[in-house]
Amino acid sequence: MLFSGCSEGSAGDDTNTETDGPATGTTADETDTDPSEGSSGVGSTGETPEEPTVIPTDVATEDVTGWCTPRVAPERLIAIGPNAELWIATDTELGSSVRVVSEGETAGTFDTDGTVITASALGGVRGSFATSAGLFTLEGPRVDALAWPGDPASIVALCGDLSVDGDGRVFADDVYTRDLGQWWRWNAPGGATGPSMARASGVCADREDSTFVLNDTVAWRIRPDFVSTLPEFSDATALATDEVFGLAALRDGDLWLGHGSTPSAWLRFEVGAAEAVQASDGLAFIAAAGHLYAREDADVFELIDADGPLGDAELLGAAPGQVVVQRGDDLCAYGLAQPVAIRGIRPFQRVRTAALEVVIADADATVVLDGDALESELEDDEVWLDLEVQEQGWHTLEVSTSSTTRTIAFEVERLVPATFEADIAPMFEKHCSGSGCHGPTPSSDDRPDLSSYDSWVERADAIRERVAVTADMPPPGSGDEPWGVEETLLLLGWLDAGLPEGE
């Protein structure tokens, strides 16, 4: 397993040390190809272009509209939410004071203990943040500390929901995710400097649970069960990712786009070198030599507003259908159409409940779930939906208004707890019973018989440690197949649920 376990100390315990077991399965040193090549969202689209397509200075233009809010020094932008909510921090003697701005208006505020380093905004006053004092989740006025197995000062970026198992990512010296009560991490090869991530609309993991990072100029695609390098996207100064066009990378002032490890488009801008790239909902936003461009469906156009081109805008980020920039002393969110704000669900969210309450800030919106139109209720000029999604797996919510259509993919994870009889016993046969290891007749006295439910209950703590934390069971060379990531998480979920036996 490429994500290896880390011990989780108590919140606020600065004496906690990290234990990192050896990864099992494929390792970064062994892999330079993508085993899911050709699968949804990551398949190769063709051979690497031999020559760039030059984008002329006089491309077509597209009008944008939006809103701005003043940014007064020393305020700093620390996060962008799924509906272009801006988290803006001001540092104080005790920590930071953060205001949340939506549609140009302050929607809420909160204060932190310690100076904010970075944050992940999930809509409204909800998300997570790292400070000099630790790592925290935020739900309105409630702040909860998360045990962190390292120095909070090493954290450089957050994304996703750290309060939900497997949903979020922490970028520090390595890439971390939190699942079933412990931290898992990808070890950057060679002890290189900490990785920087590719982000799209605030999301850093796609529907295949892939995270794209630059680590010491090498581009990597990381999943819990494999890792691969992306040579044609390495030596980049910035990455962005989107489900429609795949990966966008700035290399020597040019823009490379494509899926898998093979770019399908190579763009060079006549006005000069590209300097920044962001992405959302099939749009790539590119800042180049005093111009702000967008690329959609292979068309490149320059963005303008009522005052002309946005050449004075610094590209900061993106949300679905919107780009976030700084113009002078203002922070602004612009869209090609009037955006549709959706609360209660966000792109690529992991859901572990069948019931979802979704609110759409447009009374005329029509909603389709997995191809079926939904009935809804109106309240205060908003559409309210009570969704019951029983089927495990990926689902697509499509929201259409008079100005735009927004599509959100989300995953409903396992809703029925695992049992020993249905789930654990078959995995035992697969991973533990061979070669006389832990079957009814172990080949050694120091190998316990794990063929019964009672034996698993008796040795639950040791099983958790050996399979999930140190990750050295089954031992290399035993001939038994290593535990996969999903299997390990299923085992941990079963242990945390109280070891139900089943029928």
Protein backbone atom coordinates (compact mmCIF):
# COMPACT_ATOMS: atom_id res chain seq x y z
CA MET A 1 0.00 0.00 0.00
CA LEU A 2 1.53 3.28 -1.07
CA PHE A 3 -0.09 5.36 1.62
CA SER A 4 1.53 4.02 4.78
CA GLY A 5 0.12 4.48 8.27
CA CYS A 6 1.19 7.07 10.82
CA SER A 7 0.42 6.91 14.51
CA GLU A 8 -2.03 9.53 15.68
CA GLY A 9 -1.27 11.28 18.96
CA SER A 10 -3.55 13.33 21.12
CA ALA A 11 -4.54 16.77 19.93
CA GLY A 12 -2.13 19.33 21.23
CA ASP A 13 0.46 16.76 22.29
CA ASP A 14 3.71 18.23 21.03
CA THR A 15 5.64 15.20 22.23
CA ASN A 16 3.96 12.91 19.71
CA THR A 17 6.32 11.15 17.36
CA GLU A 18 5.44 9.69 14.00
CA THR A 19 5.81 6.02 13.15
CA ASP A 20 5.83 5.22 9.49
CA GLY A 21 5.64 1.61 8.39
CA PRO A 22 7.04 0.36 5.11
CA ALA A 23 4.70 0.63 2.16
CA THR A 24 3.57 -2.59 0.59
CA GLY A 25 2.63 -3.23 -3.03
CA THR A 26 3.98 -1.09 -5.85
CA THR A 27 6.42 1.64 -4.87
CA ALA A 28 7.34 4.88 -6.57
CA ASP A 29 10.75 3.52 -7.52
CA GLU A 30 9.13 0.57 -9.31
CA THR A 31 6.47 2.45 -11.23
CA ASP A 32 6.64 4.93 -14.07
CA THR A 33 3.49 3.98 -15.93
CA ASP A 34 -0.15 4.48 -15.09
CA PRO A 35 -1.97 1.17 -14.60
CA SER A 36 -5.35 2.80 -15.13
CA GLU A 37 -4.42 4.14 -18.56
CA GLY A 38 -7.57 4.24 -20.64
CA SER A 39 -9.96 4.36 -17.68
CA SER A 40 -12.47 7.14 -17.05
CA GLY A 41 -10.87 10.55 -16.83
CA VAL A 42 -7.24 9.44 -17.11
CA GLY A 43 -6.78 7.67 -20.44
CA SER A 44 -4.12 8.78 -22.87
CA THR A 45 -5.47 11.00 -25.64
CA GLY A 46 -2.68 10.65 -28.19
CA GLU A 47 0.97 11.18 -28.90
CA THR A 48 2.83 14.17 -27.53
CA PRO A 49 2.47 17.13 -29.92
CA GLU A 50 5.69 17.86 -31.78
CA GLU A 51 5.07 21.60 -32.18
CA PRO A 52 3.05 24.06 -30.09
CA THR A 53 -0.09 25.76 -31.30
CA VAL A 54 0.58 29.50 -31.17
CA ILE A 55 -2.26 31.58 -29.69
CA PRO A 56 -2.27 34.96 -31.46
CA THR A 57 -2.61 38.27 -29.65
CA ASP A 58 -5.94 39.15 -31.28
CA VAL A 59 -8.02 36.16 -30.14
CA ALA A 60 -11.76 36.45 -29.61
CA THR A 61 -12.94 37.93 -26.32
CA GLU A 62 -15.58 36.90 -23.80
CA ASP A 63 -17.33 39.23 -21.35
CA VAL A 64 -17.24 38.39 -17.65
CA THR A 65 -19.29 39.72 -14.77
CA GLY A 66 -18.86 39.32 -11.06
CA TRP A 67 -18.15 41.00 -7.77
CA CYS A 68 -15.22 42.42 -5.82
CA THR A 69 -14.32 43.05 -2.19
CA PRO A 70 -11.58 45.34 -0.91
CA ARG A 71 -8.43 43.71 0.41
CA VAL A 72 -6.67 45.98 2.87
CA ALA A 73 -3.05 45.25 3.73
CA PRO A 74 -1.99 43.14 5.56
CA GLU A 75 -5.03 40.96 4.75
CA ARG A 76 -4.27 37.79 2.81
CA LEU A 77 -6.40 35.28 0.92
CA ILE A 78 -6.09 31.84 2.53
CA ALA A 79 -8.84 29.79 0.81
CA ILE A 80 -11.48 29.77 -1.92
CA GLY A 81 -14.75 27.90 -1.32
CA PRO A 82 -16.84 25.82 -3.75
CA ASN A 83 -19.07 28.82 -4.60
CA ALA A 84 -16.15 31.29 -4.76
CA GLU A 85 -16.41 32.16 -1.07
CA LEU A 86 -13.21 33.96 -0.08
CA TRP A 87 -11.52 33.40 3.28
CA ILE A 88 -9.46 36.51 4.05
CA ALA A 89 -7.19 36.55 7.11
CA THR A 90 -5.75 39.38 9.19
CA ASP A 91 -3.05 38.38 11.66
CA THR A 92 -3.20 39.56 15.26
CA GLU A 93 -0.95 39.17 18.31
CA LEU A 94 -2.84 36.03 19.37
CA GLY A 95 -3.60 34.46 16.00
CA SER A 96 -5.68 35.42 12.96
CA SER A 97 -9.09 36.93 12.36
CA VAL A 98 -10.77 35.53 9.25
CA ARG A 99 -13.71 36.98 7.35
CA VAL A 100 -15.68 34.90 4.89
CA VAL A 101 -16.88 36.87 1.86
CA SER A 102 -19.60 35.61 -0.49
CA GLU A 103 -21.01 37.59 -3.43
CA GLY A 104 -19.05 40.61 -2.19
CA GLU A 105 -20.62 40.56 1.29
CA THR A 106 -19.22 39.33 4.59
CA ALA A 107 -21.03 36.06 5.35
CA GLY A 108 -19.26 35.29 8.64
CA THR A 109 -16.09 35.61 10.67
CA PHE A 110 -13.98 33.47 13.00
CA ASP A 111 -10.80 33.81 15.03
CA THR A 112 -7.97 31.31 15.36
CA ASP A 113 -5.53 30.40 18.10
CA GLY A 114 -2.21 30.89 16.38
CA THR A 115 -1.45 32.44 13.01
CA VAL A 116 -3.23 30.79 10.08
CA ILE A 117 -0.86 29.09 7.66
CA THR A 118 -3.38 27.77 5.14
CA ALA A 119 -7.01 26.63 4.95
CA SER A 120 -9.57 24.62 3.00
CA ALA A 121 -12.99 26.28 2.59
CA LEU A 122 -16.05 24.05 2.14
CA GLY A 123 -18.75 26.70 1.84
CA GLY A 124 -19.85 29.34 4.32
CA VAL A 125 -18.05 29.23 7.66
CA ARG A 126 -17.06 25.59 7.30
CA GLY A 127 -13.76 23.93 6.46
CA SER A 128 -10.38 23.30 8.00
CA PHE A 129 -7.28 25.34 8.73
CA ALA A 130 -3.72 24.94 9.96
CA THR A 131 -2.10 27.37 12.36
CA SER A 132 1.12 27.55 14.32
CA ALA A 133 -0.86 25.84 17.11
CA GLY A 134 -2.11 22.83 15.13
CA LEU A 135 -4.65 21.50 12.63
CA PHE A 136 -8.38 22.22 13.08
CA THR A 137 -11.79 21.65 11.52
CA LEU A 138 -14.46 24.35 11.54
CA GLU A 139 -18.27 24.01 11.53
CA GLY A 140 -19.84 27.43 12.14
CA PRO A 141 -18.80 28.50 15.64
CA ARG A 142 -17.47 25.03 16.52
CA VAL A 143 -13.74 24.38 16.18
CA ASP A 144 -12.27 20.91 16.73
CA ALA A 145 -8.58 20.03 16.90
CA LEU A 146 -7.20 17.18 14.82
CA ALA A 147 -4.21 15.26 16.09
CA TRP A 148 -1.36 15.89 13.66
CA PRO A 149 1.70 13.60 13.53
CA GLY A 150 4.22 16.33 12.85
CA ASP A 151 5.07 20.00 13.14
CA PRO A 152 2.11 22.20 12.06
CA ALA A 153 4.62 24.67 10.61
CA SER A 154 5.45 22.07 7.94
CA ILE A 155 1.91 22.26 6.48
CA VAL A 156 1.79 24.27 3.25
CA ALA A 157 -1.66 23.50 1.83
CA LEU A 158 -4.99 21.81 2.63
CA CYS A 159 -7.90 20.71 0.49
CA GLY A 160 -11.10 18.70 0.89
CA ASP A 161 -12.91 17.90 4.13
CA LEU A 162 -10.56 16.68 6.85
CA SER A 163 -13.51 15.79 9.11
CA VAL A 164 -14.60 13.06 6.67
CA ASP A 165 -12.57 9.89 6.28
CA GLY A 166 -10.42 9.91 3.16
CA ASP A 167 -11.89 13.12 1.76
CA GLY A 168 -9.17 15.66 2.50
CA ARG A 169 -5.45 16.01 1.83
CA VAL A 170 -2.70 17.73 3.80
CA PHE A 171 0.43 18.83 1.95
CA ALA A 172 3.49 19.12 4.15
CA ASP A 173 6.84 17.33 3.82
CA ASP A 174 4.75 14.58 2.18
CA VAL A 175 1.11 14.12 1.12
CA TYR A 176 -1.21 12.98 3.93
CA THR A 177 -4.82 11.81 4.09
CA ARG A 178 -6.83 10.90 7.19
CA ASP A 179 -8.96 7.77 7.19
CA LEU A 180 -10.49 5.64 9.95
CA GLY A 181 -8.77 7.37 12.82
CA GLN A 182 -5.22 7.55 11.53
CA TRP A 183 -3.03 9.39 9.07
CA TRP A 184 -1.72 7.83 5.87
CA ARG A 185 1.08 9.36 3.88
CA TRP A 186 2.91 9.15 0.60
CA ASN A 187 6.63 9.41 1.17
CA ALA A 188 8.26 11.79 -1.25
CA PRO A 189 11.14 9.91 -2.92
CA GLY A 190 14.70 10.88 -2.17
CA GLY A 191 13.79 13.14 0.73
CA ALA A 192 13.05 15.96 -1.72
CA THR A 193 11.40 19.22 -0.74
CA GLY A 194 7.70 19.14 0.11
CA PRO A 195 5.23 18.71 -2.75
CA SER A 196 2.93 21.32 -4.25
CA MET A 197 -0.45 20.20 -5.56
CA ALA A 198 -2.59 20.64 -8.61
CA ARG A 199 -6.02 21.96 -7.70
CA ALA A 200 -9.31 22.36 -9.57
CA SER A 201 -12.21 24.26 -7.99
CA GLY A 202 -10.71 23.58 -4.57
CA VAL A 203 -10.54 19.83 -5.22
CA CYS A 204 -7.25 17.95 -5.13
CA ALA A 205 -8.42 14.34 -5.61
CA ASP A 206 -10.51 13.17 -8.58
CA ARG A 207 -13.08 10.37 -8.79
CA GLU A 208 -10.28 7.82 -9.00
CA ASP A 209 -8.79 9.26 -5.78
CA SER A 210 -5.81 10.60 -7.71
CA THR A 211 -3.80 13.55 -6.44
CA PHE A 212 -1.35 15.34 -8.76
CA VAL A 213 1.73 16.97 -7.25
CA LEU A 214 5.01 18.55 -8.20
CA ASN A 215 7.83 17.32 -6.02
CA ASP A 216 11.34 18.63 -6.71
CA THR A 217 10.28 19.43 -10.34
CA VAL A 218 8.92 15.90 -10.92
CA ALA A 219 5.19 15.59 -11.63
CA TRP A 220 3.51 12.66 -9.85
CA ARG A 221 0.09 11.09 -9.89
CA ILE A 222 -0.61 9.53 -6.48
CA ARG A 223 -3.35 7.11 -5.58
CA PRO A 224 -3.54 5.01 -2.42
CA ASP A 225 -2.77 1.87 -4.44
CA PHE A 226 -0.20 3.09 -6.97
CA VAL A 227 1.97 6.02 -7.96
CA SER A 228 3.31 7.09 -11.34
CA THR A 229 5.52 9.81 -12.71
CA LEU A 230 4.28 12.06 -15.51
CA PRO A 231 7.42 12.89 -17.49
CA GLU A 232 5.77 15.22 -20.02
CA PHE A 233 4.38 17.34 -17.18
CA SER A 234 7.56 17.44 -15.09
CA ASP A 235 9.82 20.50 -14.91
CA ALA A 236 6.62 22.56 -14.64
CA THR A 237 6.22 25.72 -12.61
CA ALA A 238 2.52 25.12 -11.91
CA LEU A 239 -0.15 22.42 -12.26
CA ALA A 240 -3.93 22.49 -12.42
CA THR A 241 -6.33 19.61 -12.97
CA ASP A 242 -9.85 19.17 -14.29
CA GLU A 243 -11.94 16.12 -15.13
CA VAL A 244 -12.64 17.41 -18.65
CA PHE A 245 -9.15 18.14 -19.97
CA GLY A 246 -7.07 16.28 -17.41
CA LEU A 247 -3.88 18.02 -16.33
CA ALA A 248 -2.59 21.49 -17.20
CA ALA A 249 1.08 22.32 -16.68
CA LEU A 250 3.16 25.43 -17.32
CA ARG A 251 6.54 24.50 -18.80
CA ASP A 252 8.97 27.18 -19.99
CA GLY A 253 6.07 29.60 -20.39
CA ASP A 254 3.99 27.19 -22.50
CA LEU A 255 0.78 25.38 -21.51
CA TRP A 256 0.59 21.59 -21.75
CA LEU A 257 -2.77 19.84 -21.36
CA GLY A 258 -3.79 16.20 -21.46
CA HIS A 259 -4.76 12.99 -19.70
CA GLY A 260 -2.63 10.20 -18.30
CA SER A 261 1.05 10.82 -18.99
CA THR A 262 0.58 12.10 -22.55
CA PRO A 263 -0.36 15.71 -23.37
CA SER A 264 -2.91 16.22 -26.12
CA ALA A 265 -2.39 19.99 -26.48
CA TRP A 266 0.67 22.24 -26.36
CA LEU A 267 -0.05 25.98 -26.43
CA ARG A 268 2.31 28.91 -26.77
CA PHE A 269 1.07 32.48 -26.40
CA GLU A 270 2.23 35.12 -28.86
CA VAL A 271 1.99 37.84 -26.19
CA GLY A 272 4.64 36.14 -24.04
CA ALA A 273 5.22 33.50 -21.41
CA ALA A 274 2.31 32.05 -19.46
CA GLU A 275 2.77 32.78 -15.77
CA ALA A 276 -0.12 31.09 -13.91
CA VAL A 277 -2.86 28.54 -14.52
CA GLN A 278 -6.06 27.59 -12.66
CA ALA A 279 -8.97 25.33 -13.59
CA SER A 280 -12.67 24.68 -12.97
CA ASP A 281 -15.52 22.87 -14.74
CA GLY A 282 -13.72 22.31 -18.05
CA LEU A 283 -12.18 25.79 -18.09
CA ALA A 284 -8.45 26.45 -17.87
CA PHE A 285 -7.61 30.03 -16.92
CA ILE A 286 -4.16 31.27 -18.00
CA ALA A 287 -2.35 34.51 -17.16
CA ALA A 288 0.22 35.48 -19.79
CA ALA A 289 2.13 38.73 -20.21
CA GLY A 290 -0.62 41.07 -19.04
CA HIS A 291 -3.52 39.08 -20.48
CA LEU A 292 -6.01 36.69 -18.88
CA TYR A 293 -7.18 33.85 -21.12
CA ALA A 294 -9.62 30.98 -20.79
CA ARG A 295 -9.58 27.72 -22.74
CA GLU A 296 -12.77 25.67 -23.19
CA ASP A 297 -13.32 22.82 -25.66
CA ALA A 298 -10.07 23.68 -27.48
CA ASP A 299 -11.14 27.34 -27.95
CA VAL A 300 -8.95 30.03 -26.36
CA PHE A 301 -10.36 33.51 -25.70
CA GLU A 302 -9.37 36.57 -23.69
CA LEU A 303 -11.47 37.69 -20.71
CA ILE A 304 -12.73 41.26 -20.57
CA ASP A 305 -15.19 43.19 -18.43
CA ALA A 306 -16.94 46.53 -18.91
CA ASP A 307 -13.61 48.35 -18.47
CA GLY A 308 -11.71 46.19 -20.97
CA PRO A 309 -9.20 43.31 -20.74
CA LEU A 310 -8.33 41.89 -17.32
CA GLY A 311 -4.63 42.34 -17.97
CA ASP A 312 -4.10 43.99 -14.57
CA ALA A 313 -5.55 40.98 -12.73
CA GLU A 314 -3.39 38.55 -10.74
CA LEU A 315 -4.74 35.02 -11.17
CA LEU A 316 -5.32 33.47 -7.72
CA GLY A 317 -7.73 30.56 -8.09
CA ALA A 318 -10.98 29.24 -9.49
CA ALA A 319 -14.38 27.93 -8.44
CA PRO A 320 -16.96 26.21 -10.67
CA GLY A 321 -17.66 28.65 -13.50
CA GLN A 322 -15.65 31.44 -11.88
CA VAL A 323 -12.11 32.73 -11.73
CA VAL A 324 -10.71 34.55 -8.68
CA VAL A 325 -8.24 37.38 -9.23
CA GLN A 326 -6.74 40.38 -7.50
CA ARG A 327 -7.14 43.74 -9.23
CA GLY A 328 -5.37 46.53 -7.46
CA ASP A 329 -6.56 46.39 -3.84
CA ASP A 330 -9.63 44.29 -4.66
CA LEU A 331 -10.23 40.55 -4.64
CA CYS A 332 -12.72 39.65 -7.38
CA ALA A 333 -14.66 36.63 -8.61
CA TYR A 334 -15.68 36.69 -12.30
CA GLY A 335 -17.73 34.30 -14.36
CA LEU A 336 -18.65 33.90 -18.03
CA ALA A 337 -22.27 33.50 -16.90
CA GLN A 338 -24.21 34.09 -13.71
CA PRO A 339 -22.93 31.30 -11.45
CA VAL A 340 -25.27 28.92 -9.63
CA ALA A 341 -24.49 28.51 -5.94
CA ILE A 342 -25.07 25.02 -4.52
CA ARG A 343 -24.92 24.22 -0.80
CA GLY A 344 -24.90 20.80 0.81
CA ILE A 345 -22.81 19.02 -1.81
CA ARG A 346 -19.52 19.87 -3.52
CA PRO A 347 -17.46 18.40 -6.36
CA PHE A 348 -15.96 14.95 -5.70
CA GLN A 349 -17.30 14.84 -2.16
CA ARG A 350 -17.25 11.53 -0.32
CA VAL A 351 -20.63 10.86 1.26
CA ARG A 352 -21.21 8.29 3.98
CA THR A 353 -24.91 8.85 4.49
CA ALA A 354 -27.85 8.13 2.22
CA ALA A 355 -29.63 11.39 3.12
CA LEU A 356 -28.46 14.70 1.67
CA GLU A 357 -30.01 18.15 1.94
CA VAL A 358 -29.06 20.28 -1.06
CA VAL A 359 -29.94 23.95 -1.54
CA ILE A 360 -29.67 25.75 -4.90
CA ALA A 361 -29.70 29.55 -4.91
CA ASP A 362 -31.96 29.89 -7.98
CA ALA A 363 -35.71 29.41 -7.83
CA ASP A 364 -35.89 28.44 -11.52
CA ALA A 365 -33.23 25.73 -11.37
CA THR A 366 -33.99 22.27 -12.72
CA VAL A 367 -32.17 19.32 -11.19
CA VAL A 368 -31.29 15.90 -12.60
CA LEU A 369 -29.70 13.09 -10.57
CA ASP A 370 -28.08 10.31 -12.59
CA GLY A 371 -30.30 11.16 -15.57
CA ASP A 372 -33.59 11.38 -13.63
CA ALA A 373 -35.36 14.69 -13.04
CA LEU A 374 -36.01 15.49 -9.37
CA GLU A 375 -38.92 17.15 -7.64
CA SER A 376 -38.03 19.97 -5.31
CA GLU A 377 -39.47 22.55 -2.92
CA LEU A 378 -39.12 26.32 -3.09
CA GLU A 379 -38.20 28.35 -0.04
CA ASP A 380 -37.03 31.98 -0.04
CA ASP A 381 -36.39 31.87 -3.80
CA GLU A 382 -34.16 28.81 -3.41
CA VAL A 383 -34.60 25.20 -4.49
CA TRP A 384 -34.46 22.70 -1.61
CA LEU A 385 -33.83 19.01 -2.22
CA ASP A 386 -33.92 16.07 0.19
CA LEU A 387 -31.90 13.41 -1.60
CA GLU A 388 -31.97 9.72 -0.68
CA VAL A 389 -29.08 8.04 -2.48
CA GLN A 390 -28.90 4.38 -1.47
CA GLU A 391 -26.62 2.99 -4.17
CA GLN A 392 -22.94 2.87 -3.37
CA GLY A 393 -20.62 4.44 -5.94
CA TRP A 394 -20.41 7.58 -8.04
CA HIS A 395 -23.42 9.79 -8.80
CA THR A 396 -23.88 12.93 -10.88
CA LEU A 397 -26.05 15.91 -9.95
CA GLU A 398 -26.77 18.29 -12.84
CA VAL A 399 -28.22 21.72 -12.06
CA SER A 400 -29.44 23.94 -14.91
CA THR A 401 -30.49 27.58 -14.73
CA SER A 402 -31.32 30.17 -17.37
CA SER A 403 -27.64 31.15 -17.57
CA THR A 404 -25.57 28.03 -16.98
CA THR A 405 -25.38 24.33 -16.13
CA ARG A 406 -23.31 23.01 -13.27
CA THR A 407 -22.45 19.33 -12.80
CA ILE A 408 -21.26 17.84 -9.51
CA ALA A 409 -19.92 14.30 -9.21
CA PHE A 410 -20.01 12.77 -5.71
CA GLU A 411 -19.37 9.34 -4.25
CA VAL A 412 -21.60 7.45 -1.84
CA GLU A 413 -19.34 5.13 0.09
CA ARG A 414 -20.22 1.90 1.86
CA LEU A 415 -23.40 2.39 3.92
CA VAL A 416 -23.71 -1.17 5.33
CA PRO A 417 -21.10 -2.15 7.97
CA ALA A 418 -18.76 -5.00 7.14
CA THR A 419 -19.12 -8.32 9.01
CA PHE A 420 -16.65 -11.08 9.73
CA GLU A 421 -18.57 -13.74 7.86
CA ALA A 422 -19.31 -11.70 4.72
CA ASP A 423 -16.17 -9.58 4.41
CA ILE A 424 -13.29 -10.36 6.78
CA ALA A 425 -13.22 -14.17 6.50
CA PRO A 426 -12.84 -14.08 2.68
CA MET A 427 -9.97 -11.58 3.03
CA PHE A 428 -8.35 -13.83 5.64
CA GLU A 429 -8.42 -16.72 3.17
CA LYS A 430 -6.87 -14.49 0.52
CA HIS A 431 -4.10 -12.89 2.57
CA CYS A 432 -3.41 -14.89 5.75
CA SER A 433 -4.12 -18.59 5.41
CA GLY A 434 -1.50 -19.68 2.88
CA SER A 435 1.79 -21.47 3.52
CA GLY A 436 0.66 -22.58 6.98
CA CYS A 437 0.76 -19.00 8.22
CA HIS A 438 -2.42 -18.41 10.24
CA GLY A 439 -4.71 -21.26 9.27
CA PRO A 440 -5.95 -24.00 11.61
CA THR A 441 -2.52 -25.66 11.53
CA PRO A 442 0.14 -22.92 11.61
CA SER A 443 3.61 -24.06 10.67
CA SER A 444 5.15 -22.33 13.68
CA ASP A 445 4.16 -22.05 17.34
CA ASP A 446 4.53 -18.27 17.27
CA ARG A 447 1.96 -17.97 14.45
CA PRO A 448 -1.54 -17.68 15.92
CA ASP A 449 -4.50 -19.48 14.36
CA LEU A 450 -6.75 -16.74 12.93
CA SER A 451 -9.26 -19.00 11.22
CA SER A 452 -12.05 -18.25 13.73
CA TYR A 453 -13.99 -15.13 14.62
CA ASP A 454 -13.00 -15.38 18.30
CA SER A 455 -9.31 -15.35 17.41
CA TRP A 456 -9.76 -12.08 15.50
CA VAL A 457 -11.57 -10.53 18.46
CA GLU A 458 -8.78 -11.63 20.82
CA ARG A 459 -6.01 -10.20 18.61
CA ALA A 460 -7.80 -7.17 17.12
CA ASP A 461 -5.23 -4.62 18.30
CA ALA A 462 -2.29 -6.62 16.95
CA ILE A 463 -4.05 -7.16 13.62
CA ARG A 464 -4.70 -3.44 13.28
CA GLU A 465 -1.05 -2.66 14.00
CA ARG A 466 0.46 -5.25 11.65
CA VAL A 467 -1.91 -4.76 8.68
CA ALA A 468 -2.57 -1.01 8.79
CA VAL A 469 0.19 0.77 10.71
CA THR A 470 3.44 -1.13 10.18
CA ALA A 471 1.98 -2.71 7.01
CA ASP A 472 4.26 -5.75 7.27
CA MET A 473 1.63 -8.49 7.24
CA PRO A 474 1.67 -10.63 5.22
CA PRO A 475 5.47 -10.39 5.28
CA PRO A 476 7.33 -9.95 2.00
CA GLY A 477 8.27 -13.27 0.47
CA SER A 478 5.46 -15.19 2.18
CA GLY A 479 3.72 -15.84 -1.12
CA ASP A 480 0.48 -14.34 0.15
CA GLU A 481 -1.02 -11.35 -1.66
CA PRO A 482 -0.55 -8.00 0.14
CA TRP A 483 -3.62 -6.20 1.46
CA GLY A 484 -5.02 -3.59 -0.91
CA VAL A 485 -5.94 -0.08 0.21
CA GLU A 486 -9.70 -0.61 0.03
CA GLU A 487 -9.35 -3.93 1.87
CA THR A 488 -7.29 -2.30 4.61
CA LEU A 489 -9.84 0.47 5.04
CA LEU A 490 -12.65 -2.09 5.11
CA LEU A 491 -10.79 -3.97 7.86
CA LEU A 492 -10.28 -0.78 9.86
CA GLY A 493 -13.94 0.14 9.47
CA TRP A 494 -14.94 -3.30 10.73
CA LEU A 495 -12.65 -2.99 13.76
CA ASP A 496 -13.97 0.51 14.55
CA ALA A 497 -17.58 -0.71 14.21
CA GLY A 498 -17.06 -3.21 17.03
CA LEU A 499 -16.16 -6.33 15.00
CA PRO A 500 -19.69 -7.44 13.98
CA GLU A 501 -19.75 -11.17 13.33
CA GLY A 502 -22.68 -11.45 10.90
CA GLU A 503 -24.50 -14.64 10.06
